[in-house]
N, C-alpha and C. Protein backbone atom coordinates (compact mmCIF):
# COMPACT_ATOMS: atom_id res chain seq x y z
N MET A 1 0.83 -1.18 0.00
CA MET A 1 -0.01 0.00 0.01
C MET A 1 0.88 1.27 0.01
N SER A 2 1.93 1.28 0.84
CA SER A 2 2.78 2.47 0.87
C SER A 2 3.55 2.63 -0.41
N VAL A 3 3.91 1.53 -1.12
CA VAL A 3 4.61 1.64 -2.41
C VAL A 3 3.65 2.26 -3.43
N ALA A 4 2.39 1.90 -3.43
CA ALA A 4 1.42 2.45 -4.37
C ALA A 4 1.22 3.94 -4.12
N LEU A 5 1.10 4.35 -2.86
CA LEU A 5 0.94 5.75 -2.54
C LEU A 5 2.18 6.55 -2.85
N GLY A 6 3.35 5.97 -2.56
CA GLY A 6 4.63 6.63 -2.84
C GLY A 6 4.87 6.82 -4.33
N SER A 7 4.50 5.83 -5.14
CA SER A 7 4.73 5.97 -6.58
C SER A 7 3.79 6.98 -7.20
N SER A 8 2.63 7.21 -6.63
CA SER A 8 1.72 8.21 -7.17
C SER A 8 2.26 9.63 -6.93
N ALA A 9 3.11 9.78 -5.93
CA ALA A 9 3.67 11.09 -5.64
C ALA A 9 4.65 11.52 -6.74
N PHE A 10 5.22 10.56 -7.47
CA PHE A 10 6.16 10.87 -8.53
C PHE A 10 5.54 10.80 -9.93
N ALA A 11 4.28 10.55 -10.02
CA ALA A 11 3.63 10.32 -11.30
C ALA A 11 3.30 11.63 -12.03
N GLY A 12 3.25 12.76 -11.36
CA GLY A 12 2.85 13.98 -12.02
C GLY A 12 1.40 14.24 -11.86
N SER A 13 0.92 15.38 -12.32
CA SER A 13 -0.50 15.71 -12.17
C SER A 13 -1.26 15.38 -13.45
N VAL A 14 -2.47 14.88 -13.26
CA VAL A 14 -3.35 14.55 -14.38
C VAL A 14 -4.73 15.06 -14.00
N SER A 15 -5.40 15.73 -14.90
CA SER A 15 -6.78 16.13 -14.64
C SER A 15 -7.69 15.26 -15.48
N TYR A 16 -8.93 15.11 -14.99
CA TYR A 16 -9.87 14.25 -15.69
C TYR A 16 -10.94 15.10 -16.34
N SER A 17 -11.39 14.63 -17.52
CA SER A 17 -12.34 15.39 -18.31
C SER A 17 -13.78 15.18 -17.87
N GLY A 18 -14.02 14.27 -16.96
CA GLY A 18 -15.38 14.02 -16.52
C GLY A 18 -15.95 12.76 -17.14
N LYS A 19 -15.44 12.31 -18.28
CA LYS A 19 -15.89 11.07 -18.89
C LYS A 19 -15.06 9.94 -18.34
N ALA A 20 -15.65 8.82 -18.14
CA ALA A 20 -14.96 7.67 -17.54
C ALA A 20 -13.79 7.26 -18.41
N GLY A 21 -12.60 7.17 -17.77
CA GLY A 21 -11.43 6.67 -18.47
C GLY A 21 -10.71 7.67 -19.34
N LYS A 22 -11.15 8.89 -19.41
CA LYS A 22 -10.49 9.90 -20.27
C LYS A 22 -9.66 10.87 -19.38
N ALA A 23 -8.38 10.72 -19.42
CA ALA A 23 -7.48 11.59 -18.69
C ALA A 23 -6.90 12.63 -19.66
N VAL A 24 -6.77 13.87 -19.20
CA VAL A 24 -6.23 14.94 -20.01
C VAL A 24 -4.89 15.34 -19.39
N GLN A 25 -3.83 15.28 -20.19
CA GLN A 25 -2.51 15.67 -19.72
C GLN A 25 -2.42 17.19 -19.72
N PRO A 26 -1.77 17.77 -18.72
CA PRO A 26 -1.63 19.22 -18.70
C PRO A 26 -0.75 19.68 -19.86
N ILE A 27 -1.01 20.85 -20.36
CA ILE A 27 -0.25 21.42 -21.46
C ILE A 27 0.95 22.15 -20.88
N ALA A 28 2.12 21.87 -21.42
CA ALA A 28 3.33 22.55 -20.97
C ALA A 28 3.27 24.02 -21.37
N PRO A 29 3.73 24.90 -20.51
CA PRO A 29 3.69 26.32 -20.90
C PRO A 29 4.52 26.56 -22.14
N SER A 30 3.99 27.33 -23.07
CA SER A 30 4.74 27.65 -24.28
C SER A 30 5.50 28.94 -24.05
N GLY A 31 6.54 29.12 -24.80
CA GLY A 31 7.34 30.34 -24.68
C GLY A 31 8.80 30.05 -24.58
N CYS A 32 9.56 31.08 -24.68
CA CYS A 32 10.99 31.00 -24.72
C CYS A 32 11.54 31.38 -23.37
N GLU A 33 12.39 30.52 -22.83
CA GLU A 33 13.06 30.77 -21.55
C GLU A 33 14.48 31.30 -21.75
N CYS A 34 14.85 31.59 -22.97
CA CYS A 34 16.25 31.98 -23.27
C CYS A 34 16.70 33.29 -22.69
N PHE A 35 15.79 34.17 -22.35
CA PHE A 35 16.16 35.49 -21.84
C PHE A 35 16.37 35.47 -20.31
N ASN A 36 16.36 34.28 -19.70
CA ASN A 36 16.60 34.17 -18.28
C ASN A 36 18.08 34.05 -17.93
N ALA A 37 18.94 33.76 -18.94
CA ALA A 37 20.39 33.63 -18.67
C ALA A 37 20.94 35.01 -18.38
N PRO A 38 21.63 35.18 -17.25
CA PRO A 38 22.07 36.57 -16.90
C PRO A 38 23.31 37.06 -17.70
N PHE A 39 24.24 36.17 -18.04
CA PHE A 39 25.46 36.58 -18.74
C PHE A 39 25.40 36.24 -20.22
N ALA A 40 26.04 37.06 -21.04
CA ALA A 40 26.20 36.77 -22.47
C ALA A 40 27.44 37.49 -22.96
N LEU A 41 28.12 36.83 -23.89
CA LEU A 41 29.26 37.41 -24.58
C LEU A 41 28.90 37.49 -26.04
N GLY A 42 29.41 38.46 -26.77
CA GLY A 42 29.05 38.59 -28.17
C GLY A 42 30.13 39.18 -29.03
N VAL A 43 29.96 39.00 -30.34
CA VAL A 43 30.81 39.61 -31.36
C VAL A 43 29.90 40.31 -32.35
N PHE A 44 30.38 41.38 -32.95
CA PHE A 44 29.55 42.10 -33.90
C PHE A 44 30.38 42.73 -35.00
N GLY A 45 29.71 42.95 -36.12
CA GLY A 45 30.22 43.78 -37.20
C GLY A 45 29.41 45.07 -37.15
N GLY A 46 30.00 46.15 -37.56
CA GLY A 46 29.28 47.39 -37.46
C GLY A 46 29.79 48.45 -38.42
N ALA A 47 29.16 49.60 -38.30
CA ALA A 47 29.55 50.76 -39.11
C ALA A 47 29.41 52.00 -38.27
N ILE A 48 30.32 52.93 -38.50
CA ILE A 48 30.22 54.24 -37.87
C ILE A 48 29.81 55.24 -38.96
N LEU A 49 28.80 56.03 -38.65
CA LEU A 49 28.23 56.95 -39.62
C LEU A 49 28.31 58.38 -39.06
N PRO A 50 29.33 59.14 -39.38
CA PRO A 50 29.46 60.49 -38.84
C PRO A 50 28.33 61.40 -39.35
N THR A 51 27.97 62.37 -38.52
CA THR A 51 26.93 63.35 -38.87
C THR A 51 27.58 64.47 -39.66
N GLY A 52 26.92 64.88 -40.69
CA GLY A 52 27.42 66.01 -41.52
C GLY A 52 28.63 65.62 -42.34
N ASP A 53 29.54 66.55 -42.50
CA ASP A 53 30.73 66.30 -43.32
C ASP A 53 31.96 66.04 -42.44
N ARG A 54 31.76 65.49 -41.25
CA ARG A 54 32.86 65.24 -40.32
C ARG A 54 33.81 64.16 -40.79
N GLY A 55 33.35 63.25 -41.62
CA GLY A 55 34.19 62.18 -42.10
C GLY A 55 33.40 61.20 -42.90
N ASP A 56 34.11 60.17 -43.40
CA ASP A 56 33.44 59.15 -44.20
C ASP A 56 32.91 58.05 -43.30
N ASP A 57 31.88 57.35 -43.80
CA ASP A 57 31.37 56.17 -43.13
C ASP A 57 32.46 55.10 -43.14
N ALA A 58 32.51 54.28 -42.10
CA ALA A 58 33.54 53.25 -42.03
C ALA A 58 32.99 51.99 -41.38
N LEU A 59 33.53 50.85 -41.81
CA LEU A 59 33.13 49.56 -41.24
C LEU A 59 34.10 49.15 -40.16
N GLY A 60 33.65 48.24 -39.31
CA GLY A 60 34.48 47.73 -38.23
C GLY A 60 33.80 46.59 -37.51
N GLY A 61 34.19 46.35 -36.31
CA GLY A 61 33.60 45.28 -35.53
C GLY A 61 34.08 45.35 -34.10
N GLY A 62 33.60 44.42 -33.27
CA GLY A 62 34.01 44.45 -31.88
C GLY A 62 33.44 43.31 -31.06
N VAL A 63 33.56 43.47 -29.76
CA VAL A 63 33.09 42.48 -28.80
C VAL A 63 32.25 43.15 -27.74
N LEU A 64 31.40 42.36 -27.05
CA LEU A 64 30.60 42.89 -25.97
C LEU A 64 30.38 41.84 -24.91
N GLY A 65 30.10 42.31 -23.71
CA GLY A 65 29.69 41.47 -22.61
C GLY A 65 28.53 42.12 -21.92
N GLU A 66 27.58 41.30 -21.44
CA GLU A 66 26.42 41.88 -20.76
C GLU A 66 26.00 41.04 -19.60
N TYR A 67 25.39 41.70 -18.63
CA TYR A 67 24.81 41.02 -17.46
C TYR A 67 23.42 41.57 -17.22
N PHE A 68 22.41 40.69 -17.10
CA PHE A 68 21.04 41.10 -16.85
C PHE A 68 20.67 40.71 -15.44
N PHE A 69 20.21 41.69 -14.65
CA PHE A 69 19.80 41.46 -13.28
C PHE A 69 18.47 40.72 -13.24
N CYS A 70 17.65 40.90 -14.24
CA CYS A 70 16.38 40.22 -14.42
C CYS A 70 16.17 40.19 -15.96
N PRO A 71 15.17 39.49 -16.46
CA PRO A 71 15.02 39.44 -17.93
C PRO A 71 14.84 40.79 -18.62
N ASN A 72 14.49 41.83 -17.83
CA ASN A 72 14.18 43.13 -18.45
C ASN A 72 15.25 44.21 -18.28
N PHE A 73 16.16 44.08 -17.34
CA PHE A 73 17.10 45.17 -17.07
C PHE A 73 18.50 44.63 -16.88
N GLY A 74 19.47 45.28 -17.58
CA GLY A 74 20.85 44.84 -17.46
C GLY A 74 21.83 45.93 -17.88
N VAL A 75 23.10 45.55 -17.87
CA VAL A 75 24.19 46.43 -18.28
C VAL A 75 24.99 45.76 -19.39
N GLN A 76 25.59 46.58 -20.25
CA GLN A 76 26.37 46.05 -21.37
C GLN A 76 27.67 46.89 -21.51
N LEU A 77 28.77 46.20 -21.70
CA LEU A 77 30.04 46.84 -21.99
C LEU A 77 30.46 46.39 -23.39
N SER A 78 30.97 47.32 -24.22
CA SER A 78 31.36 46.94 -25.56
C SER A 78 32.59 47.71 -26.01
N TYR A 79 33.32 47.09 -26.90
CA TYR A 79 34.48 47.71 -27.54
C TYR A 79 34.37 47.48 -29.04
N GLY A 80 34.57 48.52 -29.82
CA GLY A 80 34.55 48.41 -31.26
C GLY A 80 35.69 49.20 -31.89
N ALA A 81 36.19 48.71 -33.00
CA ALA A 81 37.23 49.41 -33.78
C ALA A 81 36.69 49.59 -35.20
N TYR A 82 36.87 50.80 -35.76
CA TYR A 82 36.32 51.12 -37.06
C TYR A 82 37.42 51.72 -37.92
N ALA A 83 37.43 51.38 -39.20
CA ALA A 83 38.51 51.72 -40.12
C ALA A 83 38.34 53.11 -40.68
N THR A 84 38.27 54.11 -39.84
CA THR A 84 38.22 55.50 -40.31
C THR A 84 39.67 55.89 -40.70
N SER A 85 39.84 57.09 -41.18
CA SER A 85 41.17 57.54 -41.62
C SER A 85 42.18 57.49 -40.48
N SER A 86 41.68 57.61 -39.21
CA SER A 86 42.60 57.58 -38.06
C SER A 86 42.26 56.44 -37.09
N GLU A 87 41.56 55.43 -37.54
CA GLU A 87 41.18 54.24 -36.77
C GLU A 87 40.47 54.62 -35.46
N HIS A 88 39.16 54.56 -35.49
CA HIS A 88 38.30 54.96 -34.38
C HIS A 88 38.11 53.76 -33.45
N HIS A 89 38.45 53.93 -32.18
CA HIS A 89 38.21 52.91 -31.14
C HIS A 89 37.09 53.43 -30.24
N GLN A 90 36.10 52.62 -29.98
CA GLN A 90 34.93 53.04 -29.19
C GLN A 90 34.74 52.12 -28.01
N PHE A 91 34.75 52.67 -26.79
CA PHE A 91 34.48 51.95 -25.56
C PHE A 91 33.16 52.48 -25.00
N ASP A 92 32.17 51.61 -24.81
CA ASP A 92 30.85 52.03 -24.34
C ASP A 92 30.38 51.21 -23.14
N GLY A 93 29.66 51.87 -22.26
CA GLY A 93 28.95 51.22 -21.18
C GLY A 93 27.51 51.66 -21.26
N SER A 94 26.57 50.72 -21.21
CA SER A 94 25.17 51.04 -21.44
C SER A 94 24.26 50.37 -20.41
N LEU A 95 23.19 51.05 -20.04
CA LEU A 95 22.08 50.43 -19.32
C LEU A 95 21.10 49.98 -20.40
N VAL A 96 20.59 48.75 -20.25
CA VAL A 96 19.73 48.18 -21.26
C VAL A 96 18.38 47.82 -20.64
N LEU A 97 17.30 48.25 -21.27
CA LEU A 97 15.94 47.92 -20.88
C LEU A 97 15.31 47.15 -22.04
N ARG A 98 14.96 45.90 -21.82
CA ARG A 98 14.40 45.10 -22.92
C ARG A 98 13.04 44.51 -22.50
N TYR A 99 12.27 44.15 -23.52
CA TYR A 99 10.96 43.56 -23.31
C TYR A 99 10.88 42.25 -24.07
N PRO A 100 11.21 41.11 -23.40
CA PRO A 100 11.15 39.81 -24.08
C PRO A 100 9.73 39.45 -24.45
N ILE A 101 9.51 39.07 -25.70
CA ILE A 101 8.26 38.53 -26.15
C ILE A 101 8.47 37.03 -26.27
N THR A 102 8.11 36.29 -25.23
CA THR A 102 8.52 34.88 -25.11
C THR A 102 7.81 33.99 -26.14
N SER A 103 6.64 34.39 -26.61
CA SER A 103 5.95 33.55 -27.59
C SER A 103 6.69 33.54 -28.95
N LEU A 104 7.49 34.60 -29.21
CA LEU A 104 8.27 34.68 -30.46
C LEU A 104 9.76 34.53 -30.25
N CYS A 105 10.19 34.51 -28.99
CA CYS A 105 11.62 34.41 -28.60
C CYS A 105 12.43 35.59 -29.17
N ILE A 106 11.84 36.78 -29.08
CA ILE A 106 12.54 38.01 -29.47
C ILE A 106 12.43 39.01 -28.35
N ALA A 107 13.31 40.00 -28.37
CA ALA A 107 13.27 41.03 -27.34
C ALA A 107 13.71 42.37 -27.93
N PRO A 108 12.77 43.29 -28.14
CA PRO A 108 13.18 44.65 -28.49
C PRO A 108 13.77 45.33 -27.25
N TYR A 109 14.71 46.26 -27.45
CA TYR A 109 15.35 46.90 -26.31
C TYR A 109 15.76 48.32 -26.64
N VAL A 110 15.96 49.10 -25.58
CA VAL A 110 16.53 50.44 -25.67
C VAL A 110 17.78 50.45 -24.78
N LEU A 111 18.72 51.28 -25.16
CA LEU A 111 19.94 51.39 -24.38
C LEU A 111 20.39 52.85 -24.30
N ALA A 112 21.06 53.17 -23.23
CA ALA A 112 21.60 54.52 -23.02
C ALA A 112 22.82 54.40 -22.15
N GLY A 113 23.78 55.28 -22.39
CA GLY A 113 24.98 55.24 -21.57
C GLY A 113 26.04 56.23 -22.02
N GLY A 114 27.24 55.93 -21.65
CA GLY A 114 28.37 56.80 -21.98
C GLY A 114 29.52 55.99 -22.52
N GLY A 115 30.49 56.71 -23.06
CA GLY A 115 31.63 56.01 -23.63
C GLY A 115 32.81 56.92 -23.81
N TYR A 116 33.81 56.35 -24.41
CA TYR A 116 35.07 57.04 -24.66
C TYR A 116 35.56 56.60 -26.01
N SER A 117 35.98 57.55 -26.84
CA SER A 117 36.48 57.20 -28.16
C SER A 117 37.89 57.73 -28.34
N THR A 118 38.66 56.99 -29.11
CA THR A 118 40.01 57.43 -29.46
C THR A 118 40.15 57.35 -30.96
N ASN A 119 40.63 58.38 -31.52
CA ASN A 119 41.01 58.46 -32.94
C ASN A 119 42.01 59.63 -32.99
N SER A 120 41.98 60.46 -33.95
CA SER A 120 42.89 61.60 -33.96
C SER A 120 42.57 62.54 -32.80
N ILE A 121 41.32 62.53 -32.33
CA ILE A 121 40.91 63.30 -31.17
C ILE A 121 40.28 62.36 -30.17
N GLN A 122 40.62 62.46 -28.89
CA GLN A 122 40.06 61.59 -27.87
C GLN A 122 39.01 62.37 -27.09
N GLY A 123 37.99 61.65 -26.64
CA GLY A 123 36.95 62.33 -25.87
C GLY A 123 35.84 61.42 -25.43
N GLY A 124 35.10 61.91 -24.47
CA GLY A 124 33.95 61.19 -23.96
C GLY A 124 32.70 61.51 -24.77
N ASP A 125 31.72 60.65 -24.64
CA ASP A 125 30.43 60.88 -25.29
C ASP A 125 29.35 60.18 -24.50
N TYR A 126 28.12 60.44 -24.87
CA TYR A 126 26.99 59.69 -24.35
C TYR A 126 26.12 59.28 -25.53
N HIS A 127 25.32 58.21 -25.34
CA HIS A 127 24.57 57.67 -26.47
C HIS A 127 23.20 57.18 -26.03
N VAL A 128 22.30 57.10 -26.99
CA VAL A 128 20.98 56.51 -26.83
C VAL A 128 20.71 55.70 -28.10
N GLY A 129 19.97 54.61 -27.95
CA GLY A 129 19.68 53.79 -29.12
C GLY A 129 18.69 52.69 -28.80
N GLY A 130 18.55 51.81 -29.75
CA GLY A 130 17.63 50.68 -29.58
C GLY A 130 17.95 49.60 -30.59
N GLY A 131 17.32 48.46 -30.37
CA GLY A 131 17.54 47.33 -31.25
C GLY A 131 16.61 46.19 -30.94
N ILE A 132 16.91 45.06 -31.54
CA ILE A 132 16.11 43.83 -31.33
C ILE A 132 17.04 42.65 -31.30
N GLU A 133 16.68 41.68 -30.48
CA GLU A 133 17.45 40.44 -30.36
C GLU A 133 16.53 39.27 -30.51
N ALA A 134 16.97 38.24 -31.22
CA ALA A 134 16.23 36.99 -31.37
C ALA A 134 17.07 35.86 -30.80
N ARG A 135 16.45 34.96 -30.07
CA ARG A 135 17.16 33.80 -29.51
C ARG A 135 16.58 32.53 -30.11
N PHE A 136 17.45 31.51 -30.22
CA PHE A 136 17.08 30.23 -30.81
C PHE A 136 17.21 29.13 -29.77
N PRO A 137 16.11 28.67 -29.16
CA PRO A 137 16.19 27.63 -28.14
C PRO A 137 16.80 26.33 -28.63
N SER A 138 16.61 25.99 -29.87
CA SER A 138 17.15 24.75 -30.42
C SER A 138 18.68 24.80 -30.58
N MET A 139 19.28 25.99 -30.45
CA MET A 139 20.73 26.17 -30.62
C MET A 139 21.32 26.67 -29.30
N ASP A 140 20.88 26.13 -28.18
CA ASP A 140 21.33 26.52 -26.84
C ASP A 140 21.15 28.03 -26.61
N CYS A 141 20.05 28.56 -27.09
CA CYS A 141 19.69 29.98 -26.89
C CYS A 141 20.66 30.97 -27.52
N LEU A 142 21.34 30.55 -28.57
CA LEU A 142 22.18 31.49 -29.34
C LEU A 142 21.34 32.67 -29.77
N GLY A 143 21.88 33.88 -29.68
CA GLY A 143 21.14 35.06 -30.04
C GLY A 143 21.77 35.80 -31.20
N VAL A 144 20.93 36.46 -32.00
CA VAL A 144 21.39 37.40 -33.01
C VAL A 144 20.74 38.72 -32.73
N PHE A 145 21.47 39.81 -32.98
CA PHE A 145 20.94 41.13 -32.64
C PHE A 145 21.32 42.14 -33.72
N ALA A 146 20.52 43.18 -33.76
CA ALA A 146 20.78 44.34 -34.62
C ALA A 146 20.38 45.58 -33.83
N ASP A 147 21.26 46.56 -33.75
CA ASP A 147 20.93 47.78 -33.03
C ASP A 147 21.66 48.98 -33.60
N GLY A 148 21.28 50.13 -33.11
CA GLY A 148 21.92 51.37 -33.50
C GLY A 148 21.87 52.34 -32.33
N ALA A 149 22.90 53.17 -32.23
CA ALA A 149 22.97 54.17 -31.14
C ALA A 149 23.53 55.47 -31.70
N TYR A 150 22.90 56.55 -31.35
CA TYR A 150 23.38 57.88 -31.72
C TYR A 150 24.28 58.38 -30.61
N HIS A 151 25.51 58.76 -30.95
CA HIS A 151 26.49 59.21 -29.97
C HIS A 151 26.62 60.74 -30.05
N PHE A 152 26.46 61.39 -28.91
CA PHE A 152 26.61 62.82 -28.79
C PHE A 152 28.01 63.09 -28.27
N SER A 153 28.85 63.79 -29.06
CA SER A 153 30.24 63.98 -28.73
C SER A 153 30.65 65.43 -28.99
N ASP A 154 31.57 65.95 -28.17
CA ASP A 154 32.09 67.29 -28.41
C ASP A 154 32.89 67.36 -29.71
N ASN A 155 33.38 66.21 -30.16
CA ASN A 155 34.19 66.13 -31.37
C ASN A 155 33.36 65.91 -32.63
N GLY A 156 32.05 65.91 -32.50
CA GLY A 156 31.15 65.63 -33.64
C GLY A 156 30.31 64.42 -33.38
N ASP A 157 29.04 64.54 -33.66
CA ASP A 157 28.12 63.43 -33.40
C ASP A 157 28.24 62.35 -34.46
N TYR A 158 27.89 61.15 -34.11
CA TYR A 158 27.92 60.00 -35.06
C TYR A 158 26.98 58.91 -34.59
N THR A 159 26.64 58.03 -35.50
CA THR A 159 25.78 56.88 -35.20
C THR A 159 26.62 55.62 -35.41
N ILE A 160 26.42 54.65 -34.53
CA ILE A 160 27.04 53.32 -34.72
C ILE A 160 25.91 52.31 -34.84
N VAL A 161 25.96 51.54 -35.90
CA VAL A 161 25.00 50.44 -36.11
C VAL A 161 25.79 49.13 -36.02
N ARG A 162 25.16 48.11 -35.40
CA ARG A 162 25.82 46.83 -35.19
C ARG A 162 24.89 45.68 -35.54
N LEU A 163 25.49 44.58 -36.00
CA LEU A 163 24.81 43.33 -36.26
C LEU A 163 25.72 42.24 -35.72
N GLY A 164 25.20 41.40 -34.84
CA GLY A 164 26.09 40.41 -34.24
C GLY A 164 25.40 39.21 -33.66
N VAL A 165 26.20 38.43 -32.94
CA VAL A 165 25.81 37.16 -32.34
C VAL A 165 26.12 37.21 -30.85
N LYS A 166 25.21 36.69 -30.00
CA LYS A 166 25.43 36.61 -28.57
C LYS A 166 25.38 35.15 -28.14
N PHE A 167 26.29 34.81 -27.20
CA PHE A 167 26.41 33.48 -26.64
C PHE A 167 26.08 33.55 -25.15
N PRO A 168 24.89 33.09 -24.75
CA PRO A 168 24.52 33.16 -23.34
C PRO A 168 25.36 32.17 -22.53
N LEU A 169 25.69 32.56 -21.33
CA LEU A 169 26.50 31.70 -20.43
C LEU A 169 25.65 31.29 -19.24
């Protein structure tokens, strides 16, 4: 008797439909759990687009690391190098606010923060931007993202757009 009662404790829950012999299994919750991982590392390709006639557009790339305190709020650090005439290096720190849509496994987000750039002129800046990230549960929650941020700088404003891959840890 105790074996029968003990084994029912491990059997899981089943609800009955009211008809004799018809058991209905509970439906597993649908949705993406990929945005619950707090750490992620990423690589990206990007472009720097100066405002006005300050310089030519240039391609580049970089790396990023991020930590999310909850699925909606986190911080991101990134470094990018762009092939301008004097090689632009960009160091950024951002606060990120995202809204995961778990039924589609995507998350639009906004970011804001500050940074430091080095090229022929060095200086600080601040930025605001937004983007979208998609995660793939079948690939260990690998993510792809696209975003853009407008940088306000004393040396001339510019926009950085990025397209990359994130690896959740």
